[in-house]
Amino acid sequence: MVRVLVGFGLLDNLISPHSPHSVQIIGPSTPASQHCERILRSLPGWFGIEESLLEYVADSERFPTFFAIQSEPVAFLTVREHFPQSWEVHCIGVHATCRGTGIGRKLHSHVENWLAYKGARVLQVKTLAPAHPSPEYAETRQFYAAMGFLPQEVFPTLWGPKLPVLQLVKSLALPTSAA
């Protein structure tokens, strides 16, 4: 079942390819795995470990997953509830051909609004810490900093040796138009 969320002012008319204004945001949606796998496979610098990629694909069927759609899904974001007030960005991917266009920011903002309306007050994400040399994950940390996330803690071995994990958090609030 696909539910289109309206009322957030996020369903825009098509304008131009790869513009954040040319996408529709839908979700949470199922089935999701086929589109998630295609998007993740376009990002081998982030999702090059096959076992992890397949786990994220399977999780897109278990947890709420949202899509940014042009003619087909070009980005997705899966969230996981830990408590009604505390959620986690489980996985986000923007197809390699659409990165840097604002689509990921638009999708993320939509999901944050959806979570706030559900009563969530805190959103967290885990990514590789700055001690890891990956240039891709340096971009990821910049994205989350621009989205208003703050570093909370580093877990040196949570994902394994030589994979330090940075936990980032963000306070959520209802959009001012809804408050």
C-alpha atoms as a PDB file:
ATOM      1  CA  MET A   1       0.000   0.000   0.000  1.00  0.00           C
ATOM      2  CA  VAL A   2       1.329   3.441  -0.896  1.00  0.00           C
ATOM      3  CA  ARG A   3       0.096   6.440   1.060  1.00  0.00           C
ATOM      4  CA  VAL A   4       0.838   9.901  -0.165  1.00  0.00           C
ATOM      5  CA  LEU A   5       1.194  12.400   2.647  1.00  0.00           C
ATOM      6  CA  VAL A   6      -0.267  15.773   1.862  1.00  0.00           C
ATOM      7  CA  GLY A   7      -0.653  18.824   4.016  1.00  0.00           C
ATOM      8  CA  PHE A   8       3.061  19.475   4.441  1.00  0.00           C
ATOM      9  CA  GLY A   9       3.257  21.453   1.199  1.00  0.00           C
ATOM     10  CA  LEU A  10       5.814  18.997  -0.132  1.00  0.00           C
ATOM     11  CA  LEU A  11       4.098  17.660  -3.255  1.00  0.00           C
ATOM     12  CA  ASP A  12       5.264  19.987  -5.992  1.00  0.00           C
ATOM     13  CA  ASN A  13       4.672  20.237  -9.719  1.00  0.00           C
ATOM     14  CA  LEU A  14       7.368  18.866 -11.991  1.00  0.00           C
ATOM     15  CA  ILE A  15       9.815  21.611 -12.919  1.00  0.00           C
ATOM     16  CA  SER A  16      13.189  20.239 -14.066  1.00  0.00           C
ATOM     17  CA  PRO A  17      15.141  16.991 -13.676  1.00  0.00           C
ATOM     18  CA  HIS A  18      17.069  16.502 -10.426  1.00  0.00           C
ATOM     19  CA  SER A  19      15.686  19.660  -8.820  1.00  0.00           C
ATOM     20  CA  PRO A  20      14.321  19.243  -5.302  1.00  0.00           C
ATOM     21  CA  HIS A  21      11.225  21.032  -6.635  1.00  0.00           C
ATOM     22  CA  SER A  22      10.633  18.359  -9.280  1.00  0.00           C
ATOM     23  CA  VAL A  23      10.096  15.489  -6.854  1.00  0.00           C
ATOM     24  CA  GLN A  24       7.143  14.086  -5.013  1.00  0.00           C
ATOM     25  CA  ILE A  25       7.661  12.686  -1.539  1.00  0.00           C
ATOM     26  CA  ILE A  26       5.633   9.600  -0.672  1.00  0.00           C
ATOM     27  CA  GLY A  27       5.545   7.243   2.244  1.00  0.00           C
ATOM     28  CA  PRO A  28       5.731   5.364   4.320  1.00  0.00           C
ATOM     29  CA  SER A  29       5.580   2.937   1.392  1.00  0.00           C
ATOM     30  CA  THR A  30       5.727  -0.745   0.705  1.00  0.00           C
ATOM     31  CA  PRO A  31       7.003  -2.552  -1.233  1.00  0.00           C
ATOM     32  CA  ALA A  32      10.256  -0.675  -1.061  1.00  0.00           C
ATOM     33  CA  SER A  33      13.124  -3.140  -1.469  1.00  0.00           C
ATOM     34  CA  GLN A  34      13.497  -3.127  -5.272  1.00  0.00           C
ATOM     35  CA  HIS A  35      13.897   0.645  -5.424  1.00  0.00           C
ATOM     36  CA  CYS A  36      16.118   0.801  -2.342  1.00  0.00           C
ATOM     37  CA  GLU A  37      18.489  -1.797  -3.747  1.00  0.00           C
ATOM     38  CA  ARG A  38      18.801   0.038  -7.079  1.00  0.00           C
ATOM     39  CA  ILE A  39      19.569   3.323  -5.294  1.00  0.00           C
ATOM     40  CA  LEU A  40      22.072   1.775  -2.862  1.00  0.00           C
ATOM     41  CA  ARG A  41      23.930   0.002  -5.684  1.00  0.00           C
ATOM     42  CA  SER A  42      24.538   3.391  -7.296  1.00  0.00           C
ATOM     43  CA  LEU A  43      26.511   4.385  -4.144  1.00  0.00           C
ATOM     44  CA  PRO A  44      29.352   1.853  -3.752  1.00  0.00           C
ATOM     45  CA  GLY A  45      31.485   4.278  -1.701  1.00  0.00           C
ATOM     46  CA  TRP A  46      28.836   4.159   1.025  1.00  0.00           C
ATOM     47  CA  PHE A  47      27.232   0.762   0.485  1.00  0.00           C
ATOM     48  CA  GLY A  48      29.996  -1.431  -0.910  1.00  0.00           C
ATOM     49  CA  ILE A  49      29.660  -4.218   1.660  1.00  0.00           C
ATOM     50  CA  GLU A  50      27.167  -6.643   0.093  1.00  0.00           C
ATOM     51  CA  GLU A  51      25.908  -8.105   3.382  1.00  0.00           C
ATOM     52  CA  SER A  52      25.150  -4.641   4.781  1.00  0.00           C
ATOM     53  CA  LEU A  53      23.523  -3.483   1.555  1.00  0.00           C
ATOM     54  CA  LEU A  54      21.175  -6.482   1.546  1.00  0.00           C
ATOM     55  CA  GLU A  55      20.346  -5.907   5.217  1.00  0.00           C
ATOM     56  CA  TYR A  56      19.357  -2.276   4.495  1.00  0.00           C
ATOM     57  CA  VAL A  57      17.240  -3.473   1.555  1.00  0.00           C
ATOM     58  CA  ALA A  58      15.421  -6.014   3.746  1.00  0.00           C
ATOM     59  CA  ASP A  59      14.957  -3.423   6.501  1.00  0.00           C
ATOM     60  CA  SER A  60      13.216  -1.093   4.030  1.00  0.00           C
ATOM     61  CA  GLU A  61      10.329  -3.586   4.113  1.00  0.00           C
ATOM     62  CA  ARG A  62      10.249  -3.739   7.948  1.00  0.00           C
ATOM     63  CA  PHE A  63      10.551  -0.070   8.863  1.00  0.00           C
ATOM     64  CA  PRO A  64       8.790   3.061   7.558  1.00  0.00           C
ATOM     65  CA  THR A  65      10.392   4.027   4.249  1.00  0.00           C
ATOM     66  CA  PHE A  66       9.828   7.233   2.289  1.00  0.00           C
ATOM     67  CA  PHE A  67      10.715   7.993  -1.332  1.00  0.00           C
ATOM     68  CA  ALA A  68      11.550  11.023  -3.419  1.00  0.00           C
ATOM     69  CA  ILE A  69      10.125  10.301  -6.852  1.00  0.00           C
ATOM     70  CA  GLN A  70      10.740  11.882 -10.203  1.00  0.00           C
ATOM     71  CA  SER A  71       9.751   9.491 -12.989  1.00  0.00           C
ATOM     72  CA  GLU A  72      10.882   6.748 -10.584  1.00  0.00           C
ATOM     73  CA  PRO A  73      12.230   6.731  -7.026  1.00  0.00           C
ATOM     74  CA  VAL A  74      15.562   8.588  -6.868  1.00  0.00           C
ATOM     75  CA  ALA A  75      16.019   8.657  -3.087  1.00  0.00           C
ATOM     76  CA  PHE A  76      14.721   6.897  -0.006  1.00  0.00           C
ATOM     77  CA  LEU A  77      14.896   7.244   3.754  1.00  0.00           C
ATOM     78  CA  THR A  78      14.072   4.486   6.248  1.00  0.00           C
ATOM     79  CA  VAL A  79      13.408   5.350   9.885  1.00  0.00           C
ATOM     80  CA  ARG A  80      13.254   3.117  12.927  1.00  0.00           C
ATOM     81  CA  GLU A  81      11.275   3.738  16.109  1.00  0.00           C
ATOM     82  CA  HIS A  82      13.095   3.107  19.383  1.00  0.00           C
ATOM     83  CA  PHE A  83      10.430   4.821  21.504  1.00  0.00           C
ATOM     84  CA  PRO A  84       7.424   6.901  20.395  1.00  0.00           C
ATOM     85  CA  GLN A  85       9.438  10.071  21.095  1.00  0.00           C
ATOM     86  CA  SER A  86      12.795   8.763  19.805  1.00  0.00           C
ATOM     87  CA  TRP A  87      13.474   7.600  16.251  1.00  0.00           C
ATOM     88  CA  GLU A  88      16.563   6.845  14.174  1.00  0.00           C
ATOM     89  CA  VAL A  89      17.472   7.424  10.546  1.00  0.00           C
ATOM     90  CA  HIS A  90      18.189   3.813   9.691  1.00  0.00           C
ATOM     91  CA  CYS A  91      19.252   4.345   6.083  1.00  0.00           C
ATOM     92  CA  ILE A  92      19.154   7.109   3.503  1.00  0.00           C
ATOM     93  CA  GLY A  93      20.264   6.954  -0.098  1.00  0.00           C
ATOM     94  CA  VAL A  94      20.094   9.434  -2.955  1.00  0.00           C
ATOM     95  CA  HIS A  95      20.866   7.949  -6.363  1.00  0.00           C
ATOM     96  CA  ALA A  96      24.370   8.911  -7.496  1.00  0.00           C
ATOM     97  CA  THR A  97      23.000  10.895 -10.444  1.00  0.00           C
ATOM     98  CA  CYS A  98      20.879  13.060  -8.103  1.00  0.00           C
ATOM     99  CA  ARG A  99      23.314  13.766  -5.271  1.00  0.00           C
ATOM    100  CA  GLY A 100      23.913  17.409  -4.394  1.00  0.00           C
ATOM    101  CA  THR A 101      20.600  18.631  -5.828  1.00  0.00           C
ATOM    102  CA  GLY A 102      18.704  19.166  -2.560  1.00  0.00           C
ATOM    103  CA  ILE A 103      16.526  16.075  -2.977  1.00  0.00           C
ATOM    104  CA  GLY A 104      17.993  14.424   0.141  1.00  0.00           C
ATOM    105  CA  ARG A 105      17.395  17.564   2.210  1.00  0.00           C
ATOM    106  CA  LYS A 106      13.798  17.799   0.999  1.00  0.00           C
ATOM    107  CA  LEU A 107      13.155  14.123   1.730  1.00  0.00           C
ATOM    108  CA  HIS A 108      14.772  14.381   5.164  1.00  0.00           C
ATOM    109  CA  SER A 109      12.747  17.490   6.070  1.00  0.00           C
ATOM    110  CA  HIS A 110       9.535  15.747   5.046  1.00  0.00           C
ATOM    111  CA  VAL A 111      10.323  12.732   7.229  1.00  0.00           C
ATOM    112  CA  GLU A 112      11.230  15.001  10.158  1.00  0.00           C
ATOM    113  CA  ASN A 113       7.820  16.717   9.842  1.00  0.00           C
ATOM    114  CA  TRP A 114       6.050  13.332   9.663  1.00  0.00           C
ATOM    115  CA  LEU A 115       7.866  12.195  12.802  1.00  0.00           C
ATOM    116  CA  ALA A 116       7.086  15.433  14.653  1.00  0.00           C
ATOM    117  CA  TYR A 117       3.382  15.064  13.832  1.00  0.00           C
ATOM    118  CA  LYS A 118       3.560  11.519  15.244  1.00  0.00           C
ATOM    119  CA  GLY A 119       4.945  12.912  18.511  1.00  0.00           C
ATOM    120  CA  ALA A 120       8.642  12.198  17.994  1.00  0.00           C
ATOM    121  CA  ARG A 121      10.903  14.706  19.706  1.00  0.00           C
ATOM    122  CA  VAL A 122      14.379  13.303  19.029  1.00  0.00           C
ATOM    123  CA  LEU A 123      15.919  11.925  15.851  1.00  0.00           C
ATOM    124  CA  GLN A 124      19.312  10.235  15.804  1.00  0.00           C
ATOM    125  CA  VAL A 125      21.578   8.845  13.117  1.00  0.00           C
ATOM    126  CA  LYS A 126      24.762   6.831  13.252  1.00  0.00           C
ATOM    127  CA  THR A 127      27.542   7.200  10.697  1.00  0.00           C
ATOM    128  CA  LEU A 128      31.264   6.688  10.507  1.00  0.00           C
ATOM    129  CA  ALA A 129      33.174   9.012  12.830  1.00  0.00           C
ATOM    130  CA  PRO A 130      35.762  11.548  11.612  1.00  0.00           C
ATOM    131  CA  ALA A 131      38.558   9.195  12.726  1.00  0.00           C
ATOM    132  CA  HIS A 132      37.648   7.002   9.726  1.00  0.00           C
ATOM    133  CA  PRO A 133      39.362   8.178   6.511  1.00  0.00           C
ATOM    134  CA  SER A 134      36.346   7.765   4.184  1.00  0.00           C
ATOM    135  CA  PRO A 135      35.737  10.894   2.059  1.00  0.00           C
ATOM    136  CA  GLU A 136      32.182   9.667   1.395  1.00  0.00           C
ATOM    137  CA  TYR A 137      31.346   9.627   5.084  1.00  0.00           C
ATOM    138  CA  ALA A 138      32.937  13.056   5.513  1.00  0.00           C
ATOM    139  CA  GLU A 139      30.250  14.216   3.042  1.00  0.00           C
ATOM    140  CA  THR A 140      27.628  12.391   5.111  1.00  0.00           C
ATOM    141  CA  ARG A 141      28.699  14.188   8.277  1.00  0.00           C
ATOM    142  CA  GLN A 142      28.553  17.542   6.445  1.00  0.00           C
ATOM    143  CA  PHE A 143      25.021  16.724   5.257  1.00  0.00           C
ATOM    144  CA  TYR A 144      23.836  15.964   8.780  1.00  0.00           C
ATOM    145  CA  ALA A 145      25.514  19.053  10.221  1.00  0.00           C
ATOM    146  CA  ALA A 146      23.691  21.143   7.590  1.00  0.00           C
ATOM    147  CA  MET A 147      20.437  19.419   8.601  1.00  0.00           C
ATOM    148  CA  GLY A 148      20.946  20.578  12.215  1.00  0.00           C
ATOM    149  CA  PHE A 149      22.269  17.365  13.784  1.00  0.00           C
ATOM    150  CA  LEU A 150      24.773  17.613  16.631  1.00  0.00           C
ATOM    151  CA  PRO A 151      27.415  15.043  17.612  1.00  0.00           C
ATOM    152  CA  GLN A 152      26.438  13.083  20.715  1.00  0.00           C
ATOM    153  CA  GLU A 153      28.936  10.257  21.155  1.00  0.00           C
ATOM    154  CA  VAL A 154      31.568   8.133  19.401  1.00  0.00           C
ATOM    155  CA  PHE A 155      31.427   4.349  19.734  1.00  0.00           C
ATOM    156  CA  PRO A 156      34.898   3.086  18.730  1.00  0.00           C
ATOM    157  CA  THR A 157      33.903  -0.534  17.978  1.00  0.00           C
ATOM    158  CA  LEU A 158      30.082  -0.637  17.656  1.00  0.00           C
ATOM    159  CA  TRP A 159      30.225  -1.702  13.994  1.00  0.00           C
ATOM    160  CA  GLY A 160      33.543  -3.491  14.297  1.00  0.00           C
ATOM    161  CA  PRO A 161      37.253  -2.783  14.645  1.00  0.00           C
ATOM    162  CA  LYS A 162      38.459   0.205  12.628  1.00  0.00           C
ATOM    163  CA  LEU A 163      34.850   1.395  12.129  1.00  0.00           C
ATOM    164  CA  PRO A 164      34.300   4.142  14.729  1.00  0.00           C
ATOM    165  CA  VAL A 165      30.660   5.198  14.874  1.00  0.00           C
ATOM    166  CA  LEU A 166      29.493   8.762  15.428  1.00  0.00           C
ATOM    167  CA  GLN A 167      26.013   9.205  16.893  1.00  0.00           C
ATOM    168  CA  LEU A 168      24.339  12.473  15.896  1.00  0.00           C
ATOM    169  CA  VAL A 169      21.090  13.799  17.359  1.00  0.00           C
ATOM    170  CA  LYS A 170      18.513  16.419  16.508  1.00  0.00           C
ATOM    171  CA  SER A 171      15.580  17.810  18.438  1.00  0.00           C
ATOM    172  CA  LEU A 172      12.318  17.724  16.510  1.00  0.00           C
ATOM    173  CA  ALA A 173       9.474  20.191  16.823  1.00  0.00           C
ATOM    174  CA  LEU A 174       6.215  20.643  15.004  1.00  0.00           C
ATOM    175  CA  PRO A 175       6.544  22.989  12.026  1.00  0.00           C
ATOM    176  CA  THR A 176       5.567  26.513  13.028  1.00  0.00           C
ATOM    177  CA  SER A 177       2.577  26.429  10.655  1.00  0.00           C
ATOM    178  CA  ALA A 178       1.188  23.461  12.629  1.00  0.00           C
ATOM    179  CA  ALA A 179       1.990  24.646  16.143  1.00  0.00           C
END
